N, C-alpha and C. Protein backbone atom coordinates (compact mmCIF):
# COMPACT_ATOMS: atom_id res chain seq x y z
N UNK A 1 -29.74 -2.90 -13.97
CA UNK A 1 -29.77 -3.91 -15.02
C UNK A 1 -29.63 -5.29 -14.40
N UNK A 2 -30.70 -6.05 -14.41
CA UNK A 2 -30.65 -7.38 -13.86
C UNK A 2 -31.17 -8.39 -14.86
N UNK A 3 -30.61 -9.56 -14.79
CA UNK A 3 -31.11 -10.68 -15.55
C UNK A 3 -32.30 -11.21 -14.72
N UNK A 4 -33.52 -10.97 -15.20
CA UNK A 4 -34.70 -11.27 -14.41
C UNK A 4 -34.88 -12.75 -14.11
N UNK A 5 -34.32 -13.63 -14.91
CA UNK A 5 -34.53 -15.06 -14.67
C UNK A 5 -33.80 -15.53 -13.41
N UNK A 6 -32.67 -14.90 -13.07
CA UNK A 6 -31.92 -15.32 -11.87
C UNK A 6 -31.65 -14.17 -10.92
N UNK A 7 -32.09 -12.97 -11.26
CA UNK A 7 -31.90 -11.77 -10.45
C UNK A 7 -30.45 -11.55 -10.02
N UNK A 8 -29.56 -11.62 -10.98
CA UNK A 8 -28.15 -11.31 -10.74
C UNK A 8 -27.75 -10.16 -11.64
N UNK A 9 -26.81 -9.31 -11.18
CA UNK A 9 -26.36 -8.22 -12.03
C UNK A 9 -25.77 -8.77 -13.33
N UNK A 10 -26.03 -8.09 -14.42
CA UNK A 10 -25.44 -8.47 -15.69
C UNK A 10 -23.98 -8.08 -15.72
N UNK A 11 -23.16 -8.89 -16.36
CA UNK A 11 -21.75 -8.58 -16.51
C UNK A 11 -21.58 -7.58 -17.63
N UNK A 12 -20.90 -6.48 -17.34
CA UNK A 12 -20.65 -5.47 -18.36
C UNK A 12 -19.35 -5.83 -19.08
N UNK A 13 -19.34 -5.70 -20.38
CA UNK A 13 -18.14 -5.98 -21.15
C UNK A 13 -17.13 -4.85 -20.96
N UNK A 14 -15.86 -5.19 -21.02
CA UNK A 14 -14.81 -4.17 -20.94
C UNK A 14 -14.94 -3.28 -22.16
N UNK A 15 -14.78 -1.97 -21.97
CA UNK A 15 -14.93 -1.05 -23.09
C UNK A 15 -13.68 -1.00 -23.95
N UNK A 16 -12.58 -1.62 -23.47
CA UNK A 16 -11.33 -1.60 -24.22
C UNK A 16 -11.02 -2.98 -24.81
N UNK A 17 -10.26 -2.97 -25.90
CA UNK A 17 -9.74 -4.23 -26.43
C UNK A 17 -8.68 -4.73 -25.45
N UNK A 18 -8.34 -6.01 -25.52
CA UNK A 18 -7.28 -6.52 -24.63
C UNK A 18 -5.96 -5.75 -24.78
N UNK A 19 -5.63 -5.33 -26.00
CA UNK A 19 -4.39 -4.58 -26.22
C UNK A 19 -4.47 -3.20 -25.56
N UNK A 20 -5.60 -2.53 -25.71
CA UNK A 20 -5.79 -1.21 -25.12
C UNK A 20 -5.81 -1.33 -23.59
N UNK A 21 -6.48 -2.33 -23.04
CA UNK A 21 -6.51 -2.54 -21.60
C UNK A 21 -5.09 -2.76 -21.07
N UNK A 22 -4.31 -3.54 -21.79
CA UNK A 22 -2.91 -3.79 -21.39
C UNK A 22 -2.13 -2.48 -21.36
N UNK A 23 -2.33 -1.64 -22.37
CA UNK A 23 -1.64 -0.35 -22.42
C UNK A 23 -2.07 0.54 -21.25
N UNK A 24 -3.38 0.60 -20.99
CA UNK A 24 -3.89 1.42 -19.89
C UNK A 24 -3.30 0.95 -18.56
N UNK A 25 -3.30 -0.35 -18.34
CA UNK A 25 -2.78 -0.88 -17.08
C UNK A 25 -1.28 -0.66 -16.95
N UNK A 26 -0.56 -0.66 -18.05
CA UNK A 26 0.90 -0.45 -17.99
C UNK A 26 1.25 0.97 -17.58
N UNK A 27 0.30 1.89 -17.68
CA UNK A 27 0.54 3.29 -17.31
C UNK A 27 0.33 3.56 -15.82
N UNK A 28 -0.17 2.57 -15.09
CA UNK A 28 -0.37 2.73 -13.65
C UNK A 28 0.98 2.49 -12.97
N UNK A 29 1.47 3.54 -12.32
CA UNK A 29 2.80 3.47 -11.73
C UNK A 29 2.77 2.80 -10.37
N UNK A 30 3.90 2.21 -10.03
CA UNK A 30 4.04 1.64 -8.69
C UNK A 30 5.09 2.40 -7.89
N UNK A 31 5.85 3.24 -8.55
CA UNK A 31 6.87 4.05 -7.88
C UNK A 31 6.65 5.52 -8.21
N UNK A 32 7.08 6.36 -7.26
CA UNK A 32 6.94 7.81 -7.40
C UNK A 32 5.49 8.24 -7.62
N UNK A 33 4.59 7.57 -6.91
CA UNK A 33 3.19 7.96 -6.97
C UNK A 33 2.99 9.20 -6.10
N UNK A 34 1.83 9.81 -6.20
CA UNK A 34 1.58 11.03 -5.41
C UNK A 34 1.68 10.75 -3.92
N UNK A 35 1.22 9.57 -3.48
CA UNK A 35 1.28 9.29 -2.04
C UNK A 35 2.71 8.98 -1.60
N UNK A 36 3.52 8.40 -2.49
CA UNK A 36 4.93 8.18 -2.16
C UNK A 36 5.66 9.52 -2.01
N UNK A 37 5.35 10.45 -2.89
CA UNK A 37 5.98 11.77 -2.83
C UNK A 37 5.57 12.48 -1.53
N UNK A 38 4.31 12.34 -1.13
CA UNK A 38 3.85 12.94 0.12
C UNK A 38 4.59 12.35 1.32
N UNK A 39 4.76 11.03 1.34
CA UNK A 39 5.47 10.39 2.44
C UNK A 39 6.94 10.80 2.44
N UNK A 40 7.52 10.90 1.28
CA UNK A 40 8.92 11.34 1.18
C UNK A 40 9.08 12.72 1.82
N UNK A 41 8.14 13.61 1.55
CA UNK A 41 8.17 14.95 2.12
C UNK A 41 8.03 14.90 3.65
N UNK A 42 7.11 14.05 4.15
CA UNK A 42 6.93 13.91 5.59
C UNK A 42 8.21 13.40 6.27
N UNK A 43 8.83 12.40 5.67
CA UNK A 43 10.06 11.84 6.25
C UNK A 43 11.21 12.84 6.18
N UNK A 44 11.30 13.58 5.08
CA UNK A 44 12.36 14.59 4.94
C UNK A 44 12.17 15.70 5.97
N UNK A 45 10.93 16.15 6.14
CA UNK A 45 10.64 17.20 7.11
C UNK A 45 10.97 16.76 8.53
N UNK A 46 10.85 15.47 8.80
CA UNK A 46 11.16 14.93 10.12
C UNK A 46 12.66 14.75 10.33
N UNK A 47 13.44 14.97 9.28
CA UNK A 47 14.89 14.83 9.38
C UNK A 47 15.34 13.38 9.53
N UNK A 48 14.55 12.49 9.00
CA UNK A 48 14.81 11.06 9.13
C UNK A 48 15.67 10.56 7.98
N UNK A 49 16.66 9.76 8.30
CA UNK A 49 17.46 9.11 7.24
C UNK A 49 16.70 7.90 6.73
N UNK A 50 16.23 7.97 5.53
CA UNK A 50 15.41 6.88 4.99
C UNK A 50 15.91 6.47 3.62
N UNK A 51 15.49 5.30 3.21
CA UNK A 51 15.78 4.79 1.87
C UNK A 51 14.45 4.62 1.17
N UNK A 52 14.34 5.18 -0.03
CA UNK A 52 13.12 5.04 -0.81
C UNK A 52 13.27 3.82 -1.72
N UNK A 53 12.27 2.97 -1.71
CA UNK A 53 12.25 1.73 -2.49
C UNK A 53 13.49 0.86 -2.22
N UNK A 54 13.71 0.51 -0.95
CA UNK A 54 14.87 -0.32 -0.63
C UNK A 54 14.73 -1.71 -1.23
N UNK A 55 15.84 -2.28 -1.59
CA UNK A 55 15.83 -3.64 -2.13
C UNK A 55 15.92 -4.59 -0.93
N UNK A 56 14.74 -4.94 -0.41
CA UNK A 56 14.67 -5.82 0.75
C UNK A 56 13.38 -6.63 0.70
N UNK A 57 13.30 -7.61 1.56
CA UNK A 57 12.13 -8.48 1.62
C UNK A 57 10.85 -7.68 1.79
N UNK A 58 9.85 -7.94 0.98
CA UNK A 58 8.56 -7.28 1.08
C UNK A 58 8.44 -6.01 0.25
N UNK A 59 9.56 -5.48 -0.23
CA UNK A 59 9.58 -4.28 -1.07
C UNK A 59 8.77 -3.11 -0.50
N UNK A 60 9.14 -2.64 0.71
CA UNK A 60 8.41 -1.48 1.23
C UNK A 60 8.71 -0.25 0.38
N UNK A 61 7.88 0.77 0.51
CA UNK A 61 8.11 2.01 -0.22
C UNK A 61 9.25 2.79 0.41
N UNK A 62 9.39 2.68 1.73
CA UNK A 62 10.46 3.36 2.46
C UNK A 62 10.96 2.45 3.56
N UNK A 63 12.22 2.64 3.92
CA UNK A 63 12.77 1.94 5.08
C UNK A 63 13.68 2.90 5.83
N UNK A 64 13.68 2.74 7.13
CA UNK A 64 14.62 3.45 7.99
C UNK A 64 15.44 2.35 8.64
N UNK A 65 16.50 1.92 7.95
CA UNK A 65 17.25 0.74 8.39
C UNK A 65 17.84 0.87 9.79
N UNK A 66 18.29 2.05 10.17
CA UNK A 66 18.91 2.20 11.48
C UNK A 66 17.93 1.94 12.62
N UNK A 67 16.63 2.09 12.37
CA UNK A 67 15.60 1.85 13.37
C UNK A 67 14.77 0.61 13.06
N UNK A 68 15.07 -0.04 11.95
CA UNK A 68 14.32 -1.21 11.48
C UNK A 68 12.82 -0.89 11.34
N UNK A 69 12.54 0.16 10.58
CA UNK A 69 11.16 0.55 10.31
C UNK A 69 10.91 0.45 8.81
N UNK A 70 9.88 -0.29 8.43
CA UNK A 70 9.47 -0.40 7.03
C UNK A 70 8.14 0.32 6.86
N UNK A 71 8.04 1.14 5.81
CA UNK A 71 6.84 1.95 5.59
C UNK A 71 6.25 1.62 4.22
N UNK A 72 4.94 1.33 4.23
CA UNK A 72 4.22 1.05 3.01
C UNK A 72 3.15 2.12 2.81
N UNK A 73 3.02 2.62 1.60
CA UNK A 73 1.97 3.58 1.23
C UNK A 73 1.01 2.83 0.32
N UNK A 74 -0.13 2.46 0.86
CA UNK A 74 -1.06 1.58 0.14
C UNK A 74 -2.18 2.37 -0.52
N UNK A 75 -2.34 2.17 -1.82
CA UNK A 75 -3.45 2.77 -2.54
C UNK A 75 -4.76 2.15 -2.08
N UNK A 76 -5.79 2.97 -1.90
CA UNK A 76 -7.07 2.48 -1.39
C UNK A 76 -7.65 1.36 -2.24
N UNK A 77 -7.67 1.53 -3.55
CA UNK A 77 -8.27 0.52 -4.42
C UNK A 77 -7.43 -0.75 -4.45
N UNK A 78 -6.16 -0.61 -4.76
CA UNK A 78 -5.30 -1.77 -5.00
C UNK A 78 -5.09 -2.62 -3.76
N UNK A 79 -5.15 -2.02 -2.58
CA UNK A 79 -4.87 -2.77 -1.35
C UNK A 79 -6.13 -3.07 -0.55
N UNK A 80 -7.30 -2.72 -1.08
CA UNK A 80 -8.56 -3.18 -0.53
C UNK A 80 -9.12 -2.38 0.63
N UNK A 81 -8.90 -1.06 0.65
CA UNK A 81 -9.51 -0.27 1.72
C UNK A 81 -11.04 -0.36 1.58
N UNK A 82 -11.70 -0.64 2.69
CA UNK A 82 -13.16 -0.74 2.73
C UNK A 82 -13.68 -1.77 1.72
N UNK A 83 -12.89 -2.78 1.48
CA UNK A 83 -13.19 -3.77 0.44
C UNK A 83 -14.50 -4.51 0.71
N UNK A 84 -14.72 -4.92 1.95
CA UNK A 84 -15.91 -5.71 2.24
C UNK A 84 -17.17 -4.86 2.32
N UNK A 85 -17.02 -3.53 2.50
CA UNK A 85 -18.19 -2.67 2.61
C UNK A 85 -18.35 -1.72 1.41
N UNK A 86 -17.36 -1.67 0.56
CA UNK A 86 -17.42 -0.76 -0.58
C UNK A 86 -18.22 -1.34 -1.72
N UNK A 87 -18.10 -0.69 -2.88
CA UNK A 87 -18.84 -1.20 -4.03
C UNK A 87 -18.24 -2.53 -4.47
N UNK A 88 -19.09 -3.39 -4.91
CA UNK A 88 -18.69 -4.75 -5.30
C UNK A 88 -18.03 -4.75 -6.67
N UNK A 89 -16.96 -5.51 -6.75
CA UNK A 89 -16.29 -5.69 -8.03
C UNK A 89 -16.87 -6.93 -8.70
N UNK A 90 -16.70 -6.98 -9.99
CA UNK A 90 -17.13 -8.19 -10.69
C UNK A 90 -16.30 -9.36 -10.20
N UNK A 91 -16.91 -10.50 -10.18
CA UNK A 91 -16.17 -11.71 -9.80
C UNK A 91 -15.07 -11.94 -10.82
N UNK A 92 -14.07 -12.66 -10.40
CA UNK A 92 -13.01 -13.01 -11.32
C UNK A 92 -11.75 -12.23 -11.08
N UNK A 93 -11.21 -11.67 -12.13
CA UNK A 93 -9.88 -11.06 -12.09
C UNK A 93 -9.72 -10.05 -10.97
N UNK A 94 -10.61 -9.06 -10.86
CA UNK A 94 -10.41 -7.97 -9.90
C UNK A 94 -10.55 -8.44 -8.47
N UNK A 95 -11.53 -9.28 -8.18
CA UNK A 95 -11.64 -9.76 -6.80
C UNK A 95 -10.42 -10.60 -6.44
N UNK A 96 -9.98 -11.45 -7.36
CA UNK A 96 -8.78 -12.25 -7.11
C UNK A 96 -7.56 -11.35 -6.90
N UNK A 97 -7.44 -10.32 -7.71
CA UNK A 97 -6.30 -9.40 -7.63
C UNK A 97 -6.28 -8.67 -6.29
N UNK A 98 -7.38 -8.04 -5.90
CA UNK A 98 -7.43 -7.26 -4.66
C UNK A 98 -7.26 -8.17 -3.45
N UNK A 99 -7.96 -9.30 -3.43
CA UNK A 99 -7.83 -10.22 -2.30
C UNK A 99 -6.42 -10.79 -2.22
N UNK A 100 -5.80 -11.04 -3.36
CA UNK A 100 -4.41 -11.50 -3.37
C UNK A 100 -3.46 -10.45 -2.82
N UNK A 101 -3.70 -9.18 -3.18
CA UNK A 101 -2.88 -8.09 -2.64
C UNK A 101 -3.04 -8.01 -1.12
N UNK A 102 -4.26 -8.15 -0.64
CA UNK A 102 -4.52 -8.07 0.80
C UNK A 102 -3.82 -9.22 1.54
N UNK A 103 -3.87 -10.42 0.99
CA UNK A 103 -3.17 -11.56 1.61
C UNK A 103 -1.67 -11.33 1.61
N UNK A 104 -1.13 -10.85 0.49
CA UNK A 104 0.31 -10.59 0.41
C UNK A 104 0.72 -9.51 1.42
N UNK A 105 -0.08 -8.45 1.56
CA UNK A 105 0.23 -7.40 2.54
C UNK A 105 0.33 -7.97 3.94
N UNK A 106 -0.62 -8.81 4.33
CA UNK A 106 -0.59 -9.43 5.67
C UNK A 106 0.64 -10.31 5.83
N UNK A 107 0.94 -11.12 4.82
CA UNK A 107 2.08 -12.03 4.86
C UNK A 107 3.39 -11.27 5.00
N UNK A 108 3.56 -10.21 4.19
CA UNK A 108 4.78 -9.41 4.21
C UNK A 108 4.95 -8.73 5.57
N UNK A 109 3.89 -8.14 6.09
CA UNK A 109 3.96 -7.47 7.39
C UNK A 109 4.34 -8.45 8.49
N UNK A 110 3.74 -9.63 8.49
CA UNK A 110 4.06 -10.65 9.50
C UNK A 110 5.52 -11.07 9.41
N UNK A 111 5.99 -11.28 8.18
CA UNK A 111 7.38 -11.72 7.99
C UNK A 111 8.37 -10.66 8.47
N UNK A 112 8.11 -9.40 8.14
CA UNK A 112 9.01 -8.33 8.58
C UNK A 112 8.99 -8.20 10.10
N UNK A 113 7.82 -8.28 10.71
CA UNK A 113 7.73 -8.20 12.18
C UNK A 113 8.47 -9.37 12.83
N UNK A 114 8.35 -10.53 12.25
CA UNK A 114 9.05 -11.70 12.76
C UNK A 114 10.55 -11.46 12.80
N UNK A 115 11.06 -10.72 11.83
CA UNK A 115 12.50 -10.43 11.74
C UNK A 115 12.87 -9.14 12.49
N UNK A 116 11.96 -8.63 13.31
CA UNK A 116 12.29 -7.51 14.17
C UNK A 116 12.02 -6.12 13.63
N UNK A 117 11.35 -6.02 12.51
CA UNK A 117 11.04 -4.72 11.91
C UNK A 117 9.71 -4.22 12.44
N UNK A 118 9.61 -2.91 12.60
CA UNK A 118 8.31 -2.26 12.83
C UNK A 118 7.75 -1.95 11.45
N UNK A 119 6.49 -2.26 11.25
CA UNK A 119 5.86 -2.06 9.94
C UNK A 119 4.77 -1.01 10.08
N UNK A 120 4.86 0.03 9.26
CA UNK A 120 3.83 1.07 9.21
C UNK A 120 3.18 1.01 7.84
N UNK A 121 1.86 0.96 7.82
CA UNK A 121 1.10 0.98 6.57
C UNK A 121 0.18 2.19 6.61
N UNK A 122 0.23 2.98 5.56
CA UNK A 122 -0.60 4.17 5.47
C UNK A 122 -1.51 4.05 4.25
N UNK A 123 -2.79 4.35 4.46
CA UNK A 123 -3.75 4.35 3.37
C UNK A 123 -3.60 5.65 2.58
N UNK A 124 -3.87 5.55 1.31
CA UNK A 124 -3.84 6.70 0.40
C UNK A 124 -4.68 7.86 0.93
N UNK A 125 -5.91 7.57 1.36
CA UNK A 125 -6.79 8.66 1.81
C UNK A 125 -6.27 9.33 3.09
N UNK A 126 -5.58 8.59 3.95
CA UNK A 126 -5.00 9.20 5.15
C UNK A 126 -3.84 10.12 4.79
N UNK A 127 -3.00 9.68 3.88
CA UNK A 127 -1.86 10.53 3.47
C UNK A 127 -2.35 11.81 2.81
N UNK A 128 -3.44 11.72 2.08
CA UNK A 128 -3.95 12.90 1.37
C UNK A 128 -4.74 13.83 2.29
N UNK A 129 -5.53 13.27 3.20
CA UNK A 129 -6.43 14.10 4.00
C UNK A 129 -5.93 14.36 5.42
N UNK A 130 -5.07 13.47 5.93
CA UNK A 130 -4.59 13.62 7.31
C UNK A 130 -3.09 13.38 7.41
N UNK A 131 -2.30 14.16 6.69
CA UNK A 131 -0.85 13.92 6.70
C UNK A 131 -0.21 14.11 8.08
N UNK A 132 -0.75 15.01 8.88
CA UNK A 132 -0.16 15.23 10.22
C UNK A 132 -0.32 13.99 11.10
N UNK A 133 -1.46 13.31 10.98
CA UNK A 133 -1.65 12.07 11.72
C UNK A 133 -0.61 11.03 11.30
N UNK A 134 -0.33 10.96 10.00
CA UNK A 134 0.67 10.02 9.50
C UNK A 134 2.05 10.38 10.03
N UNK A 135 2.38 11.66 10.03
CA UNK A 135 3.67 12.11 10.54
C UNK A 135 3.82 11.77 12.02
N UNK A 136 2.75 11.96 12.79
CA UNK A 136 2.79 11.63 14.23
C UNK A 136 3.05 10.15 14.43
N UNK A 137 2.42 9.32 13.61
CA UNK A 137 2.59 7.87 13.72
C UNK A 137 4.04 7.48 13.44
N UNK A 138 4.65 8.11 12.44
CA UNK A 138 6.06 7.84 12.13
C UNK A 138 6.93 8.28 13.30
N UNK A 139 6.72 9.50 13.80
CA UNK A 139 7.54 10.01 14.92
C UNK A 139 7.41 9.11 16.15
N UNK A 140 6.19 8.69 16.44
CA UNK A 140 5.96 7.81 17.60
C UNK A 140 6.73 6.50 17.45
N UNK A 141 6.69 5.91 16.26
CA UNK A 141 7.40 4.65 16.03
C UNK A 141 8.91 4.85 16.12
N UNK A 142 9.41 5.95 15.57
CA UNK A 142 10.85 6.21 15.64
C UNK A 142 11.28 6.44 17.09
N UNK A 143 10.47 7.12 17.86
CA UNK A 143 10.80 7.36 19.27
C UNK A 143 10.83 6.04 20.03
N UNK A 144 9.84 5.18 19.76
CA UNK A 144 9.76 3.86 20.40
C UNK A 144 11.00 3.03 20.05
N UNK A 145 11.43 3.14 18.79
CA UNK A 145 12.57 2.35 18.33
C UNK A 145 13.90 3.00 18.64
N UNK A 146 13.89 4.19 19.22
CA UNK A 146 15.13 4.90 19.54
C UNK A 146 15.98 4.07 20.50
N UNK A 147 15.31 3.35 21.36
CA UNK A 147 16.02 2.53 22.34
C UNK A 147 16.72 1.34 21.69
N UNK A 148 16.28 0.99 20.49
CA UNK A 148 16.86 -0.17 19.81
C UNK A 148 17.60 0.27 18.58
N UNK A 149 18.81 0.68 18.72
CA UNK A 149 19.63 1.07 17.57
C UNK A 149 20.10 -0.19 16.86
N UNK A 150 20.07 -0.19 15.55
CA UNK A 150 20.50 -1.33 14.75
C UNK A 150 21.60 -0.92 13.80
N UNK A 151 22.47 -1.81 13.53
CA UNK A 151 23.52 -1.58 12.55
C UNK A 151 23.19 -2.40 11.30
N UNK A 152 23.50 -1.82 10.16
CA UNK A 152 23.30 -2.54 8.90
C UNK A 152 24.58 -3.31 8.62
N UNK A 153 24.47 -4.62 8.40
CA UNK A 153 25.71 -5.40 8.13
C UNK A 153 26.37 -5.01 6.84
């Protein structure tokens, strides 16, 4: 469907009313998602002392304070996996939202690293299809940080 006068894709109207769209969006969880539960299982199986949803700068999904490791479980859509090569979103709200999330992710990771934290980010598709690779990455980071024990004030 193209507007032949300018050869641009036509904008499709939202199929929901603003009230219904608000309700649908309010049902999208940010905590206890399937990928968070998978990561929780991986960390538990590794015998790691972790905090789920710690109240700290950047709001990681998990933290291992004794090793200064912050773990984020990023949804493919919301955090922009394959954003530049995937299907195009309509201009406006969604592009601003996804690009804003990507900028915030970079900013948060940089800030945590500046303060001495190791930051691990896992994509949704990796947690679902390659959990062993994710577990290895966590173990490797914990082993690397073993030399640097930290105390929580």
